[in-house]
C-alpha atoms as a PDB file:
ATOM      1  CA  MET A   1      22.686  28.732  -5.755  1.00  0.00           C
ATOM      2  CA  LYS A   2      25.528  27.537  -3.550  1.00  0.00           C
ATOM      3  CA  GLY A   3      25.000  28.534   0.069  1.00  0.00           C
ATOM      4  CA  THR A   4      21.632  30.162  -0.628  1.00  0.00           C
ATOM      5  CA  GLN A   5      19.059  29.950   2.195  1.00  0.00           C
ATOM      6  CA  TYR A   6      15.425  29.480   1.274  1.00  0.00           C
ATOM      7  CA  PRO A   7      12.265  29.927   3.370  1.00  0.00           C
ATOM      8  CA  ILE A   8      10.121  26.865   4.037  1.00  0.00           C
ATOM      9  CA  THR A   9       7.082  26.818   1.744  1.00  0.00           C
ATOM     10  CA  VAL A  10       3.969  24.663   1.425  1.00  0.00           C
ATOM     11  CA  SER A  11       5.242  23.320  -1.907  1.00  0.00           C
ATOM     12  CA  SER A  12       8.520  22.259  -0.254  1.00  0.00           C
ATOM     13  CA  ILE A  13       6.637  20.324   2.422  1.00  0.00           C
ATOM     14  CA  LEU A  14       4.375  18.768  -0.219  1.00  0.00           C
ATOM     15  CA  LEU A  15       7.397  17.639  -2.235  1.00  0.00           C
ATOM     16  CA  SER A  16       8.861  16.065   0.893  1.00  0.00           C
ATOM     17  CA  ALA A  17       5.568  14.266   1.507  1.00  0.00           C
ATOM     18  CA  VAL A  18       5.580  13.100  -2.128  1.00  0.00           C
ATOM     19  CA  PHE A  19       9.005  11.544  -1.549  1.00  0.00           C
ATOM     20  CA  LEU A  20       7.649   9.691   1.499  1.00  0.00           C
ATOM     21  CA  LEU A  21       4.636   8.402  -0.426  1.00  0.00           C
ATOM     22  CA  MET A  22       6.783   7.259  -3.346  1.00  0.00           C
ATOM     23  CA  TYR A  23       9.220   5.509  -1.017  1.00  0.00           C
ATOM     24  CA  LEU A  24       6.380   3.815   0.860  1.00  0.00           C
ATOM     25  CA  PHE A  25       4.956   2.509  -2.429  1.00  0.00           C
ATOM     26  CA  PHE A  26       8.422   1.405  -3.531  1.00  0.00           C
ATOM     27  CA  GLN A  27       9.129  -0.537  -0.342  1.00  0.00           C
ATOM     28  CA  LEU A  28       5.698  -2.182  -0.513  1.00  0.00           C
ATOM     29  CA  GLN A  29       6.571  -3.187  -4.102  1.00  0.00           C
ATOM     30  CA  LEU A  30       3.764  -1.033  -5.516  1.00  0.00           C
ATOM     31  CA  TYR A  31       6.022   0.094  -8.338  1.00  0.00           C
ATOM     32  CA  ASN A  32       3.222   1.300 -10.608  1.00  0.00           C
ATOM     33  CA  GLY A  33       2.210   3.818  -7.949  1.00  0.00           C
ATOM     34  CA  THR A  34       5.805   4.976  -7.516  1.00  0.00           C
ATOM     35  CA  PHE A  35       6.365   5.568 -11.213  1.00  0.00           C
ATOM     36  CA  LEU A  36       2.966   7.140 -11.769  1.00  0.00           C
ATOM     37  CA  ILE A  37       3.839   9.759  -9.143  1.00  0.00           C
ATOM     38  CA  MET A  38       7.293  10.138 -10.683  1.00  0.00           C
ATOM     39  CA  PHE A  39       5.728  10.768 -14.098  1.00  0.00           C
ATOM     40  CA  VAL A  40       3.411  13.446 -12.656  1.00  0.00           C
ATOM     41  CA  LEU A  41       6.384  14.967 -10.824  1.00  0.00           C
ATOM     42  CA  LEU A  42       8.376  15.074 -14.051  1.00  0.00           C
ATOM     43  CA  LEU A  43       5.540  16.895 -15.825  1.00  0.00           C
ATOM     44  CA  SER A  44       5.212  19.414 -12.995  1.00  0.00           C
ATOM     45  CA  ILE A  45       8.911  20.313 -12.780  1.00  0.00           C
ATOM     46  CA  VAL A  46       8.553  23.194 -15.228  1.00  0.00           C
ATOM     47  CA  PHE A  47       6.048  24.876 -12.877  1.00  0.00           C
ATOM     48  CA  LEU A  48       8.256  24.636  -9.775  1.00  0.00           C
ATOM     49  CA  LYS A  49      10.571  27.290  -8.377  1.00  0.00           C
ATOM     50  CA  GLU A  50      14.283  26.649  -8.689  1.00  0.00           C
ATOM     51  CA  LYS A  51      14.946  25.116  -5.251  1.00  0.00           C
ATOM     52  CA  ASN A  52      11.950  22.784  -5.550  1.00  0.00           C
ATOM     53  CA  ARG A  53      12.847  21.942  -9.140  1.00  0.00           C
ATOM     54  CA  VAL A  54      16.281  20.767  -8.017  1.00  0.00           C
ATOM     55  CA  PHE A  55      14.710  18.742  -5.213  1.00  0.00           C
ATOM     56  CA  ALA A  56      12.223  17.169  -7.655  1.00  0.00           C
ATOM     57  CA  TRP A  57      15.106  16.106  -9.910  1.00  0.00           C
ATOM     58  CA  THR A  58      16.843  14.707  -6.814  1.00  0.00           C
ATOM     59  CA  ILE A  59      13.760  12.610  -6.025  1.00  0.00           C
ATOM     60  CA  ILE A  60      13.672  11.273  -9.588  1.00  0.00           C
ATOM     61  CA  ALA A  61      17.415  10.524  -9.502  1.00  0.00           C
ATOM     62  CA  PHE A  62      17.030   8.682  -6.196  1.00  0.00           C
ATOM     63  CA  PHE A  63      14.262   6.401  -7.438  1.00  0.00           C
ATOM     64  CA  LEU A  64      15.988   5.664 -10.736  1.00  0.00           C
ATOM     65  CA  GLY A  65      19.010   4.623  -8.686  1.00  0.00           C
ATOM     66  CA  GLU A  66      16.807   2.542  -6.388  1.00  0.00           C
ATOM     67  CA  MET A  67      15.302   0.750  -9.381  1.00  0.00           C
ATOM     68  CA  LEU A  68      18.764  -0.125 -10.696  1.00  0.00           C
ATOM     69  CA  LEU A  69      19.649  -1.286  -7.187  1.00  0.00           C
ATOM     70  CA  LEU A  70      16.565  -3.513  -7.158  1.00  0.00           C
ATOM     71  CA  TYR A  71      17.410  -5.119 -10.499  1.00  0.00           C
ATOM     72  CA  GLY A  72      21.015  -5.503  -9.388  1.00  0.00           C
ATOM     73  CA  ASN A  73      19.888  -7.347  -6.256  1.00  0.00           C
ATOM     74  CA  GLN A  74      17.925  -9.814  -8.375  1.00  0.00           C
ATOM     75  CA  LEU A  75      20.964 -10.477 -10.569  1.00  0.00           C
ATOM     76  CA  ILE A  76      23.239 -10.965  -7.552  1.00  0.00           C
ATOM     77  CA  ASP A  77      20.811 -13.522  -6.105  1.00  0.00           C
ATOM     78  CA  GLN A  78      21.614 -15.707  -9.127  1.00  0.00           C
ATOM     79  CA  LEU A  79      25.373 -15.666  -8.483  1.00  0.00           C
ATOM     80  CA  PRO A  80      27.013 -18.762  -6.937  1.00  0.00           C
ATOM     81  CA  ILE A  81      28.328 -16.951  -3.843  1.00  0.00           C
ATOM     82  CA  SER A  82      27.561 -17.210  -0.137  1.00  0.00           C
ATOM     83  CA  HIS A  83      24.735 -15.208   1.419  1.00  0.00           C
ATOM     84  CA  SER A  84      27.067 -12.960   3.433  1.00  0.00           C
ATOM     85  CA  TRP A  85      29.140 -12.040   0.371  1.00  0.00           C
ATOM     86  CA  SER A  86      26.068 -11.490  -1.791  1.00  0.00           C
ATOM     87  CA  GLU A  87      24.927  -8.978   0.836  1.00  0.00           C
ATOM     88  CA  VAL A  88      28.299  -7.216   0.578  1.00  0.00           C
ATOM     89  CA  VAL A  89      27.942  -6.883  -3.208  1.00  0.00           C
ATOM     90  CA  LYS A  90      24.332  -5.712  -2.835  1.00  0.00           C
ATOM     91  CA  SER A  91      25.472  -2.989  -0.444  1.00  0.00           C
ATOM     92  CA  LEU A  92      27.777  -1.622  -3.130  1.00  0.00           C
ATOM     93  CA  LEU A  93      24.707  -1.030  -5.308  1.00  0.00           C
ATOM     94  CA  ILE A  94      23.793   1.870  -2.996  1.00  0.00           C
ATOM     95  CA  LEU A  95      26.286   3.698  -5.195  1.00  0.00           C
ATOM     96  CA  PHE A  96      23.597   3.882  -7.918  1.00  0.00           C
ATOM     97  CA  PRO A  97      21.300   6.392  -6.154  1.00  0.00           C
ATOM     98  CA  LEU A  98      24.354   8.179  -4.750  1.00  0.00           C
ATOM     99  CA  LEU A  99      25.898   8.684  -8.188  1.00  0.00           C
ATOM    100  CA  PHE A 100      22.606   9.784  -9.734  1.00  0.00           C
ATOM    101  CA  ILE A 101      22.057  12.377  -6.996  1.00  0.00           C
ATOM    102  CA  PHE A 102      25.705  13.451  -7.282  1.00  0.00           C
ATOM    103  CA  TYR A 103      25.120  14.160 -10.983  1.00  0.00           C
ATOM    104  CA  ILE A 104      22.057  16.300 -10.189  1.00  0.00           C
ATOM    105  CA  SER A 105      24.004  18.176  -7.501  1.00  0.00           C
ATOM    106  CA  LYS A 106      26.826  18.935  -9.912  1.00  0.00           C
ATOM    107  CA  LYS A 107      24.417  19.854 -12.705  1.00  0.00           C
ATOM    108  CA  PHE A 108      22.612  22.441 -10.583  1.00  0.00           C
ATOM    109  CA  LYS A 109      25.686  23.434  -8.523  1.00  0.00           C
ATOM    110  CA  VAL A 110      24.182  22.619  -5.123  1.00  0.00           C
ATOM    111  CA  LYS A 111      25.732  20.968  -2.074  1.00  0.00           C
ATOM    112  CA  PHE A 112      25.934  17.174  -2.315  1.00  0.00           C
ATOM    113  CA  ASN A 113      26.629  16.505   1.368  1.00  0.00           C
ATOM    114  CA  ILE A 114      27.073  19.157   4.089  1.00  0.00           C
ATOM    115  CA  TYR A 115      27.966  16.623   6.785  1.00  0.00           C
ATOM    116  CA  ASN A 116      31.292  15.373   5.388  1.00  0.00           C
ATOM    117  CA  ARG A 117      33.533  16.910   8.035  1.00  0.00           C
ATOM    118  CA  ARG A 118      35.117  15.988  11.354  1.00  0.00           C
ATOM    119  CA  PRO A 119      32.528  15.572  14.135  1.00  0.00           C
ATOM    120  CA  LYS A 120      32.059  18.138  16.892  1.00  0.00           C
ATOM    121  CA  TRP A 121      32.061  15.683  19.791  1.00  0.00           C
ATOM    122  CA  GLU A 122      31.544  18.304  22.493  1.00  0.00           C
ATOM    123  CA  LYS A 123      28.574  19.939  20.761  1.00  0.00           C
ATOM    124  CA  ALA A 124      25.611  20.139  23.155  1.00  0.00           C
ATOM    125  CA  PHE A 125      21.999  19.867  22.060  1.00  0.00           C
ATOM    126  CA  SER A 126      18.602  19.478  23.690  1.00  0.00           C
ATOM    127  CA  LEU A 127      16.528  16.306  23.748  1.00  0.00           C
ATOM    128  CA  ARG A 128      12.949  17.464  24.266  1.00  0.00           C
ATOM    129  CA  PHE A 129      10.678  14.995  26.062  1.00  0.00           C
ATOM    130  CA  SER A 130       7.670  17.293  26.426  1.00  0.00           C
ATOM    131  CA  GLU A 131       6.677  20.936  26.031  1.00  0.00           C
ATOM    132  CA  ASN A 132       8.178  21.892  29.402  1.00  0.00           C
ATOM    133  CA  ARG A 133      10.827  19.232  29.853  1.00  0.00           C
ATOM    134  CA  SER A 134      14.078  18.775  27.968  1.00  0.00           C
ATOM    135  CA  HIS A 135      17.572  17.464  28.643  1.00  0.00           C
ATOM    136  CA  VAL A 136      20.836  18.907  27.347  1.00  0.00           C
ATOM    137  CA  ILE A 137      23.315  16.284  26.192  1.00  0.00           C
ATOM    138  CA  ARG A 138      26.582  16.290  24.261  1.00  0.00           C
ATOM    139  CA  VAL A 139      27.207  14.376  21.044  1.00  0.00           C
ATOM    140  CA  LYS A 140      29.870  12.271  22.765  1.00  0.00           C
ATOM    141  CA  GLN A 141      27.504  11.355  25.617  1.00  0.00           C
ATOM    142  CA  LEU A 142      24.689  10.176  23.332  1.00  0.00           C
ATOM    143  CA  PHE A 143      27.203   8.287  21.183  1.00  0.00           C
ATOM    144  CA  ILE A 144      28.533   6.407  24.232  1.00  0.00           C
ATOM    145  CA  ALA A 145      25.003   5.803  25.539  1.00  0.00           C
ATOM    146  CA  LEU A 146      23.939   4.200  22.246  1.00  0.00           C
ATOM    147  CA  TRP A 147      27.086   2.059  22.204  1.00  0.00           C
ATOM    148  CA  ILE A 148      26.262   0.813  25.709  1.00  0.00           C
ATOM    149  CA  ILE A 149      22.643   0.092  24.728  1.00  0.00           C
ATOM    150  CA  PHE A 150      23.789  -1.932  21.702  1.00  0.00           C
ATOM    151  CA  LEU A 151      26.224  -3.922  23.878  1.00  0.00           C
ATOM    152  CA  ILE A 152      23.567  -4.622  26.521  1.00  0.00           C
ATOM    153  CA  VAL A 153      21.157  -5.854  23.849  1.00  0.00           C
ATOM    154  CA  PHE A 154      23.906  -8.037  22.378  1.00  0.00           C
ATOM    155  CA  PHE A 155      24.759  -9.662  25.730  1.00  0.00           C
ATOM    156  CA  LEU A 156      21.078 -10.207  26.534  1.00  0.00           C
ATOM    157  CA  LEU A 157      20.672 -12.001  23.217  1.00  0.00           C
ATOM    158  CA  ILE A 158      23.736 -14.142  23.959  1.00  0.00           C
ATOM    159  CA  MET A 159      22.251 -15.133  27.322  1.00  0.00           C
ATOM    160  CA  ARG A 160      18.995 -16.106  25.593  1.00  0.00           C
ATOM    161  CA  GLY A 161      20.901 -18.113  22.980  1.00  0.00           C
ATOM    162  CA  ASN A 162      19.788 -15.946  20.065  1.00  0.00           C
ATOM    163  CA  VAL A 163      23.300 -15.345  18.706  1.00  0.00           C
ATOM    164  CA  GLU A 164      24.570 -17.813  16.130  1.00  0.00           C
ATOM    165  CA  LEU A 165      28.102 -19.199  16.104  1.00  0.00           C
ATOM    166  CA  LEU A 166      29.690 -18.372  12.756  1.00  0.00           C
ATOM    167  CA  ASN A 167      32.649 -19.816  10.889  1.00  0.00           C
ATOM    168  CA  LYS A 168      35.542 -17.546   9.940  1.00  0.00           C
ATOM    169  CA  GLU A 169      34.436 -16.986   6.330  1.00  0.00           C
ATOM    170  CA  ILE A 170      30.896 -15.977   7.289  1.00  0.00           C
ATOM    171  CA  LEU A 171      32.188 -13.819  10.148  1.00  0.00           C
ATOM    172  CA  PHE A 172      34.615 -11.999   7.842  1.00  0.00           C
ATOM    173  CA  GLY A 173      31.882 -11.460   5.239  1.00  0.00           C
ATOM    174  CA  MET A 174      29.576 -10.166   7.966  1.00  0.00           C
ATOM    175  CA  ILE A 175      32.177  -7.643   9.147  1.00  0.00           C
ATOM    176  CA  VAL A 176      32.867  -6.442   5.586  1.00  0.00           C
ATOM    177  CA  PHE A 177      29.119  -6.115   4.940  1.00  0.00           C
ATOM    178  CA  SER A 178      28.574  -4.171   8.165  1.00  0.00           C
ATOM    179  CA  ILE A 179      31.319  -1.699   7.284  1.00  0.00           C
ATOM    180  CA  VAL A 180      30.406  -1.234   3.600  1.00  0.00           C
ATOM    181  CA  ASN A 181      26.669  -1.038   4.259  1.00  0.00           C
ATOM    182  CA  GLY A 182      27.091   1.232   7.282  1.00  0.00           C
ATOM    183  CA  ILE A 183      29.257   3.709   5.380  1.00  0.00           C
ATOM    184  CA  LEU A 184      27.180   3.838   2.185  1.00  0.00           C
ATOM    185  CA  GLU A 185      23.771   3.915   3.901  1.00  0.00           C
ATOM    186  CA  GLU A 186      24.839   6.764   6.167  1.00  0.00           C
ATOM    187  CA  ILE A 187      26.292   8.721   3.249  1.00  0.00           C
ATOM    188  CA  LEU A 188      22.965   8.254   1.438  1.00  0.00           C
ATOM    189  CA  TRP A 189      20.517   8.817   4.316  1.00  0.00           C
ATOM    190  CA  ARG A 190      22.133  11.078   6.914  1.00  0.00           C
ATOM    191  CA  GLY A 191      24.553  12.630   4.442  1.00  0.00           C
ATOM    192  CA  VAL A 192      23.077  13.277   1.011  1.00  0.00           C
ATOM    193  CA  LEU A 193      19.301  12.937   1.508  1.00  0.00           C
ATOM    194  CA  LEU A 194      19.310  14.813   4.814  1.00  0.00           C
ATOM    195  CA  THR A 195      21.278  17.598   3.111  1.00  0.00           C
ATOM    196  CA  LYS A 196      18.627  17.820   0.387  1.00  0.00           C
ATOM    197  CA  PHE A 197      15.700  17.848   2.822  1.00  0.00           C
ATOM    198  CA  VAL A 198      17.340  20.414   5.102  1.00  0.00           C
ATOM    199  CA  SER A 199      17.849  22.675   2.079  1.00  0.00           C
ATOM    200  CA  ILE A 200      14.093  22.937   1.420  1.00  0.00           C
ATOM    201  CA  VAL A 201      12.274  22.304   4.734  1.00  0.00           C
ATOM    202  CA  GLY A 202      14.896  23.107   7.365  1.00  0.00           C
ATOM    203  CA  GLU A 203      16.734  20.956   9.887  1.00  0.00           C
ATOM    204  CA  HIS A 204      13.860  19.814  12.130  1.00  0.00           C
ATOM    205  CA  LEU A 205      11.382  18.868   9.399  1.00  0.00           C
ATOM    206  CA  GLY A 206      14.168  17.450   7.241  1.00  0.00           C
ATOM    207  CA  LEU A 207      15.253  15.182  10.079  1.00  0.00           C
ATOM    208  CA  LEU A 208      11.659  14.061  10.647  1.00  0.00           C
ATOM    209  CA  PHE A 209      11.004  13.250   6.971  1.00  0.00           C
ATOM    210  CA  ILE A 210      14.275  11.333   6.598  1.00  0.00           C
ATOM    211  CA  SER A 211      13.656   9.336   9.783  1.00  0.00           C
ATOM    212  CA  ILE A 212      10.159   8.348   8.636  1.00  0.00           C
ATOM    213  CA  ALA A 213      11.566   7.231   5.274  1.00  0.00           C
ATOM    214  CA  PHE A 214      14.313   5.271   7.040  1.00  0.00           C
ATOM    215  CA  GLY A 215      11.596   3.533   9.043  1.00  0.00           C
ATOM    216  CA  PHE A 216       9.873   2.599   5.777  1.00  0.00           C
ATOM    217  CA  SER A 217      13.135   1.082   4.488  1.00  0.00           C
ATOM    218  CA  VAL A 218      12.464  -2.236   6.270  1.00  0.00           C
ATOM    219  CA  LEU A 219       9.003  -2.739   4.751  1.00  0.00           C
ATOM    220  CA  SER A 220      10.413  -4.670   1.795  1.00  0.00           C
ATOM    221  CA  VAL A 221      11.378  -7.435   4.236  1.00  0.00           C
ATOM    222  CA  GLU A 222       8.620  -9.920   5.035  1.00  0.00           C
ATOM    223  CA  HIS A 223       6.976  -9.541   8.476  1.00  0.00           C
ATOM    224  CA  ALA A 224       9.053  -6.421   9.209  1.00  0.00           C
ATOM    225  CA  LEU A 225       6.186  -4.045  10.042  1.00  0.00           C
ATOM    226  CA  ALA A 226       7.006  -4.195  13.761  1.00  0.00           C
ATOM    227  CA  PHE A 227      10.529  -2.920  13.015  1.00  0.00           C
ATOM    228  CA  VAL A 228       9.335   0.300  11.351  1.00  0.00           C
ATOM    229  CA  PRO A 229       9.106   2.237  14.675  1.00  0.00           C
ATOM    230  CA  VAL A 230      12.511   0.831  15.703  1.00  0.00           C
ATOM    231  CA  PHE A 231      14.184   2.011  12.509  1.00  0.00           C
ATOM    232  CA  PHE A 232      12.357   5.352  12.745  1.00  0.00           C
ATOM    233  CA  ILE A 233      13.784   5.945  16.242  1.00  0.00           C
ATOM    234  CA  ILE A 234      17.252   4.804  15.163  1.00  0.00           C
ATOM    235  CA  GLY A 235      17.057   7.100  12.138  1.00  0.00           C
ATOM    236  CA  LEU A 236      15.968   9.968  14.383  1.00  0.00           C
ATOM    237  CA  LEU A 237      18.845   9.409  16.833  1.00  0.00           C
ATOM    238  CA  PHE A 238      21.447   8.940  14.084  1.00  0.00           C
ATOM    239  CA  GLY A 239      20.096  12.021  12.319  1.00  0.00           C
ATOM    240  CA  LYS A 240      20.153  14.120  15.486  1.00  0.00           C
ATOM    241  CA  LEU A 241      23.747  13.095  16.093  1.00  0.00           C
ATOM    242  CA  THR A 242      24.614  13.978  12.493  1.00  0.00           C
ATOM    243  CA  VAL A 243      23.107  17.479  12.483  1.00  0.00           C
ATOM    244  CA  SER A 244      24.502  18.215  15.956  1.00  0.00           C
ATOM    245  CA  ALA A 245      28.013  16.927  15.246  1.00  0.00           C
ATOM    246  CA  LYS A 246      27.862  18.363  11.688  1.00  0.00           C
ATOM    247  CA  SER A 247      29.275  15.022  10.555  1.00  0.00           C
ATOM    248  CA  ILE A 248      28.083  11.578   9.438  1.00  0.00           C
ATOM    249  CA  ILE A 249      31.132   9.894  11.001  1.00  0.00           C
ATOM    250  CA  VAL A 250      29.344   9.433  14.336  1.00  0.00           C
ATOM    251  CA  ALA A 251      26.324   7.795  12.686  1.00  0.00           C
ATOM    252  CA  ILE A 252      28.546   5.631  10.461  1.00  0.00           C
ATOM    253  CA  ASN A 253      30.268   4.205  13.528  1.00  0.00           C
ATOM    254  CA  LEU A 254      26.962   3.388  15.219  1.00  0.00           C
ATOM    255  CA  HIS A 255      25.425   2.015  12.014  1.00  0.00           C
ATOM    256  CA  ILE A 256      28.299  -0.453  11.612  1.00  0.00           C
ATOM    257  CA  VAL A 257      27.788  -1.691  15.186  1.00  0.00           C
ATOM    258  CA  PHE A 258      24.022  -1.912  14.604  1.00  0.00           C
ATOM    259  CA  ASN A 259      24.602  -3.943  11.424  1.00  0.00           C
ATOM    260  CA  LEU A 260      26.857  -6.369  13.295  1.00  0.00           C
ATOM    261  CA  LEU A 261      24.211  -6.790  15.970  1.00  0.00           C
ATOM    262  CA  MET A 262      21.475  -7.411  13.394  1.00  0.00           C
ATOM    263  CA  PHE A 263      23.640  -9.880  11.467  1.00  0.00           C
ATOM    264  CA  LEU A 264      24.638 -11.894  14.550  1.00  0.00           C
ATOM    265  CA  THR A 265      21.047 -12.210  15.718  1.00  0.00           C
ATOM    266  CA  HIS A 266      19.546 -12.956  12.296  1.00  0.00           C
END
């Protein structure tokens, strides 16, 4: 199966939509709905073609890992450690879905992550704004532009007094969290999951599905509905940089900066 290219099929798109629905239920804490769909998916695996069967097992592995992550978070909340360091430990639990998907990838001999290489900084790609209007930009240019945007937002928040002064321990914990979380989340979302979606629905649809799911990822936080479009756009930009640069390193860098910004303005 390694390196095999498959045509996009209706069943592949439906499976991708099933993942979105399950993840939406999961983030809204409608766990019965998530596991009911998972049970139906498990029963239907025998009727799926090989590429979709592997993807179905990947979905199941992901949600089993997410459930362990959820229980792990609840246990960590009981530990007598500071909030910043509890967030660091919680970030390490992202290893659960990663390891489960890694097992499935090894079992079926498929690629785990196709974006684990050095970035192609000079790679040019098109940002389409409408049917007749697009703009060609290089990976390096968009990377710098996003850095500048993050810095502008940060300084605007400082001017408005929205940035908290932190002691050294909290600041160090925040930096460690931003790095650990940024690396592991990008490996999971723009590395592993994007690889799996691209393998069954192609680059464009795969990027769209992953970005929508990344937008859903904030729904577990109270009053976070307004942030869904923000995280969708960020996921789309990080994903576009990843597929264009053929590397998650670019997105990891930006994700770490984004985490720092979010932490400082919390």
